[in-house]
Amino acid sequence: MRLDKNVQHVLSENKIILGAYANRLTPVPPDWSLDESDGAQPFRTDLSPNDYCDDFVSIWTNELGVQMIGGCCGITPEHILYLKNHTLHPNEI
């Protein structure tokens, strides 16, 4: 997965940076509906701070040029601290 060179050029020329953030919710089935839901979507138990960094953030930053990283539901302060301490530019997080 790579960011298209034309898209990279447009982003750069217009000084637009990309950001990304994930949540830690389990996948939502394709046939899911709110009417039939019986509660909150459960969190994944297999996405440690290290896994978030290695399996997602590193791809976003290295292959897609993402420069701003965050987290949503279930991404904890520990996940963000791990990113701060284990990225090439920790002062930019």
N, C-alpha and C. Protein backbone atom coordinates (compact mmCIF):
# COMPACT_ATOMS: atom_id res chain seq x y z
N MET A 1 0.86 -1.16 0.00
CA MET A 1 0.00 0.00 0.00
C MET A 1 0.91 1.22 0.00
N ARG A 2 0.75 2.08 -0.96
CA ARG A 2 1.53 3.30 -1.06
C ARG A 2 0.61 4.44 -1.48
N LEU A 3 0.97 5.63 -1.04
CA LEU A 3 0.22 6.81 -1.44
C LEU A 3 0.62 7.17 -2.86
N ASP A 4 -0.34 7.37 -3.72
CA ASP A 4 -0.13 7.74 -5.11
C ASP A 4 0.74 8.99 -5.20
N LYS A 5 1.69 8.99 -6.12
CA LYS A 5 2.61 10.14 -6.29
C LYS A 5 1.86 11.43 -6.60
N ASN A 6 0.79 11.36 -7.37
CA ASN A 6 0.01 12.57 -7.68
C ASN A 6 -0.65 13.13 -6.42
N VAL A 7 -1.16 12.24 -5.60
CA VAL A 7 -1.78 12.66 -4.34
C VAL A 7 -0.71 13.26 -3.43
N GLN A 8 0.46 12.63 -3.36
CA GLN A 8 1.55 13.17 -2.56
C GLN A 8 1.90 14.59 -3.01
N HIS A 9 1.96 14.79 -4.31
CA HIS A 9 2.29 16.10 -4.86
C HIS A 9 1.24 17.14 -4.47
N VAL A 10 -0.02 16.82 -4.63
CA VAL A 10 -1.10 17.76 -4.29
C VAL A 10 -1.06 18.10 -2.80
N LEU A 11 -0.87 17.09 -1.97
CA LEU A 11 -0.81 17.33 -0.53
C LEU A 11 0.37 18.24 -0.19
N SER A 12 1.51 17.94 -0.76
CA SER A 12 2.71 18.73 -0.48
C SER A 12 2.57 20.17 -0.97
N GLU A 13 2.12 20.33 -2.19
CA GLU A 13 1.97 21.67 -2.78
C GLU A 13 0.99 22.53 -1.99
N ASN A 14 -0.01 21.90 -1.40
CA ASN A 14 -1.03 22.65 -0.67
C ASN A 14 -0.82 22.62 0.84
N LYS A 15 0.35 22.10 1.25
CA LYS A 15 0.72 22.04 2.67
C LYS A 15 -0.36 21.35 3.52
N ILE A 16 -0.87 20.25 2.99
CA ILE A 16 -1.87 19.44 3.68
C ILE A 16 -1.18 18.23 4.28
N ILE A 17 -1.40 17.99 5.56
CA ILE A 17 -0.85 16.80 6.18
C ILE A 17 -1.97 15.79 6.42
N LEU A 18 -1.60 14.52 6.40
CA LEU A 18 -2.57 13.46 6.64
C LEU A 18 -2.51 13.04 8.11
N GLY A 19 -3.66 12.73 8.65
CA GLY A 19 -3.77 12.21 9.99
C GLY A 19 -4.56 10.91 9.97
N ALA A 20 -4.35 10.09 10.97
CA ALA A 20 -5.08 8.83 11.07
C ALA A 20 -5.23 8.45 12.53
N TYR A 21 -6.30 7.75 12.81
CA TYR A 21 -6.50 7.20 14.14
C TYR A 21 -7.42 6.00 14.03
N ALA A 22 -7.18 5.05 14.90
CA ALA A 22 -7.99 3.83 14.90
C ALA A 22 -8.74 3.72 16.22
N ASN A 23 -9.66 2.80 16.24
CA ASN A 23 -10.30 2.44 17.51
C ASN A 23 -9.93 0.99 17.81
N ARG A 24 -10.31 0.51 18.96
CA ARG A 24 -9.99 -0.86 19.37
C ARG A 24 -11.25 -1.71 19.42
N LEU A 25 -12.27 -1.33 18.68
CA LEU A 25 -13.51 -2.10 18.67
C LEU A 25 -13.36 -3.34 17.79
N THR A 26 -14.12 -4.37 18.12
CA THR A 26 -14.14 -5.57 17.30
C THR A 26 -14.81 -5.24 15.97
N PRO A 27 -14.52 -6.01 14.92
CA PRO A 27 -15.15 -5.75 13.62
C PRO A 27 -16.68 -5.82 13.71
N VAL A 28 -17.31 -4.96 12.96
CA VAL A 28 -18.77 -4.92 12.92
C VAL A 28 -19.22 -5.83 11.77
N PRO A 29 -20.08 -6.81 12.05
CA PRO A 29 -20.55 -7.69 10.99
C PRO A 29 -21.28 -6.91 9.89
N PRO A 30 -21.18 -7.35 8.64
CA PRO A 30 -21.83 -6.63 7.54
C PRO A 30 -23.34 -6.51 7.68
N ASP A 31 -23.97 -7.46 8.37
CA ASP A 31 -25.42 -7.44 8.50
C ASP A 31 -25.88 -6.79 9.82
N TRP A 32 -24.97 -6.11 10.51
CA TRP A 32 -25.29 -5.48 11.80
C TRP A 32 -26.28 -4.34 11.59
N SER A 33 -27.20 -4.19 12.56
CA SER A 33 -28.09 -3.03 12.55
C SER A 33 -28.26 -2.54 13.98
N LEU A 34 -28.43 -1.25 14.13
CA LEU A 34 -28.60 -0.66 15.44
C LEU A 34 -29.86 -1.19 16.11
N ASP A 35 -30.92 -1.39 15.34
CA ASP A 35 -32.18 -1.89 15.89
C ASP A 35 -32.02 -3.24 16.57
N GLU A 36 -31.12 -4.07 16.04
CA GLU A 36 -30.95 -5.42 16.59
C GLU A 36 -29.78 -5.52 17.56
N SER A 37 -29.13 -4.42 17.82
CA SER A 37 -27.98 -4.41 18.72
C SER A 37 -28.45 -4.60 20.16
N ASP A 38 -27.68 -5.39 20.92
CA ASP A 38 -28.06 -5.61 22.31
C ASP A 38 -27.08 -4.94 23.29
N GLY A 39 -26.22 -4.09 22.78
CA GLY A 39 -25.29 -3.39 23.66
C GLY A 39 -24.14 -2.78 22.90
N ALA A 40 -23.19 -2.30 23.67
CA ALA A 40 -22.03 -1.65 23.07
C ALA A 40 -21.14 -2.66 22.35
N GLN A 41 -20.49 -2.19 21.32
CA GLN A 41 -19.54 -3.03 20.58
C GLN A 41 -18.35 -3.33 21.50
N PRO A 42 -17.98 -4.60 21.66
CA PRO A 42 -16.87 -4.92 22.57
C PRO A 42 -15.52 -4.50 21.99
N PHE A 43 -14.58 -4.27 22.89
CA PHE A 43 -13.21 -3.94 22.50
C PHE A 43 -12.44 -5.20 22.13
N ARG A 44 -11.51 -5.05 21.21
CA ARG A 44 -10.54 -6.09 20.91
C ARG A 44 -9.63 -6.25 22.12
N THR A 45 -9.16 -7.45 22.34
CA THR A 45 -8.21 -7.70 23.43
C THR A 45 -6.81 -7.96 22.88
N ASP A 46 -6.66 -7.89 21.57
CA ASP A 46 -5.38 -8.25 20.95
C ASP A 46 -4.64 -7.06 20.35
N LEU A 47 -4.94 -5.85 20.80
CA LEU A 47 -4.29 -4.68 20.21
C LEU A 47 -3.55 -3.90 21.31
N SER A 48 -2.39 -4.42 21.66
CA SER A 48 -1.55 -3.77 22.67
C SER A 48 -0.98 -2.47 22.09
N PRO A 49 -0.42 -1.62 22.92
CA PRO A 49 0.24 -0.42 22.39
C PRO A 49 1.32 -0.76 21.36
N ASN A 50 2.10 -1.81 21.60
CA ASN A 50 3.12 -2.23 20.65
C ASN A 50 2.48 -2.66 19.32
N ASP A 51 1.40 -3.44 19.40
CA ASP A 51 0.73 -3.89 18.18
C ASP A 51 0.13 -2.72 17.40
N TYR A 52 -0.45 -1.76 18.10
CA TYR A 52 -1.02 -0.58 17.43
C TYR A 52 0.07 0.13 16.65
N CYS A 53 1.22 0.29 17.28
CA CYS A 53 2.34 0.97 16.64
C CYS A 53 2.86 0.17 15.44
N ASP A 54 3.12 -1.11 15.65
CA ASP A 54 3.72 -1.94 14.61
C ASP A 54 2.77 -2.30 13.48
N ASP A 55 1.52 -2.61 13.81
CA ASP A 55 0.58 -3.12 12.81
C ASP A 55 -0.20 -2.04 12.07
N PHE A 56 -0.30 -0.86 12.65
CA PHE A 56 -1.08 0.20 12.03
C PHE A 56 -0.25 1.46 11.79
N VAL A 57 0.23 2.04 12.87
CA VAL A 57 0.91 3.34 12.77
C VAL A 57 2.11 3.29 11.85
N SER A 58 2.91 2.23 11.93
CA SER A 58 4.10 2.16 11.08
C SER A 58 3.72 2.11 9.60
N ILE A 59 2.63 1.45 9.26
CA ILE A 59 2.16 1.41 7.87
C ILE A 59 1.67 2.79 7.45
N TRP A 60 0.87 3.42 8.32
CA TRP A 60 0.35 4.75 7.98
C TRP A 60 1.49 5.74 7.73
N THR A 61 2.49 5.73 8.60
CA THR A 61 3.56 6.72 8.49
C THR A 61 4.56 6.37 7.39
N ASN A 62 4.94 5.11 7.28
CA ASN A 62 5.97 4.72 6.32
C ASN A 62 5.46 4.56 4.90
N GLU A 63 4.22 4.13 4.74
CA GLU A 63 3.72 3.86 3.40
C GLU A 63 2.73 4.90 2.90
N LEU A 64 2.06 5.58 3.80
CA LEU A 64 1.03 6.53 3.37
C LEU A 64 1.38 7.99 3.70
N GLY A 65 2.49 8.21 4.36
CA GLY A 65 2.92 9.57 4.65
C GLY A 65 2.12 10.28 5.73
N VAL A 66 1.42 9.51 6.56
CA VAL A 66 0.64 10.12 7.64
C VAL A 66 1.59 10.78 8.63
N GLN A 67 1.24 12.00 9.05
CA GLN A 67 2.09 12.76 9.95
C GLN A 67 1.46 13.04 11.31
N MET A 68 0.17 12.83 11.43
CA MET A 68 -0.52 13.10 12.69
C MET A 68 -1.29 11.84 13.09
N ILE A 69 -0.98 11.30 14.26
CA ILE A 69 -1.56 10.04 14.71
C ILE A 69 -2.32 10.27 16.01
N GLY A 70 -3.44 9.60 16.15
CA GLY A 70 -4.21 9.67 17.38
C GLY A 70 -4.86 8.33 17.66
N GLY A 71 -5.91 8.38 18.43
CA GLY A 71 -6.64 7.17 18.75
C GLY A 71 -8.06 7.52 19.15
N CYS A 72 -8.94 6.55 19.02
CA CYS A 72 -10.34 6.75 19.36
C CYS A 72 -10.72 5.68 20.38
N CYS A 73 -11.95 5.27 20.37
CA CYS A 73 -12.51 4.35 21.36
C CYS A 73 -11.59 3.17 21.65
N GLY A 74 -11.13 3.08 22.88
CA GLY A 74 -10.32 1.96 23.32
C GLY A 74 -8.83 2.15 23.15
N ILE A 75 -8.42 3.14 22.39
CA ILE A 75 -6.99 3.46 22.30
C ILE A 75 -6.70 4.31 23.54
N THR A 76 -5.85 3.78 24.39
CA THR A 76 -5.66 4.34 25.72
C THR A 76 -4.49 5.32 25.77
N PRO A 77 -4.37 6.06 26.87
CA PRO A 77 -3.18 6.89 27.04
C PRO A 77 -1.89 6.08 26.93
N GLU A 78 -1.93 4.81 27.33
CA GLU A 78 -0.74 3.97 27.21
C GLU A 78 -0.37 3.74 25.74
N HIS A 79 -1.36 3.61 24.87
CA HIS A 79 -1.09 3.47 23.43
C HIS A 79 -0.39 4.73 22.91
N ILE A 80 -0.90 5.89 23.28
CA ILE A 80 -0.34 7.15 22.80
C ILE A 80 1.06 7.36 23.38
N LEU A 81 1.26 7.03 24.65
CA LEU A 81 2.58 7.15 25.25
C LEU A 81 3.58 6.24 24.55
N TYR A 82 3.14 5.03 24.21
CA TYR A 82 4.01 4.11 23.48
C TYR A 82 4.43 4.73 22.15
N LEU A 83 3.48 5.33 21.44
CA LEU A 83 3.82 5.97 20.17
C LEU A 83 4.83 7.09 20.38
N LYS A 84 4.63 7.87 21.40
CA LYS A 84 5.55 8.97 21.70
C LYS A 84 6.96 8.46 21.93
N ASN A 85 7.06 7.35 22.64
CA ASN A 85 8.37 6.82 23.01
C ASN A 85 9.01 5.92 21.96
N HIS A 86 8.26 5.52 20.93
CA HIS A 86 8.79 4.55 19.96
C HIS A 86 8.66 5.00 18.51
N THR A 87 8.61 6.28 18.27
CA THR A 87 8.57 6.76 16.90
C THR A 87 9.88 7.47 16.59
N LEU A 88 10.12 7.72 15.33
CA LEU A 88 11.34 8.40 14.92
C LEU A 88 11.37 9.86 15.34
N HIS A 89 10.20 10.45 15.51
CA HIS A 89 10.09 11.87 15.85
C HIS A 89 9.19 12.03 17.06
N PRO A 90 9.61 11.59 18.23
CA PRO A 90 8.73 11.59 19.40
C PRO A 90 8.27 12.97 19.82
N ASN A 91 8.99 14.02 19.50
CA ASN A 91 8.57 15.36 19.89
C ASN A 91 7.44 15.89 19.02
N GLU A 92 7.14 15.20 17.93
CA GLU A 92 6.07 15.65 17.04
C GLU A 92 4.73 15.03 17.37
N ILE A 93 4.69 14.14 18.35
CA ILE A 93 3.42 13.50 18.71
C ILE A 93 2.74 14.28 19.80
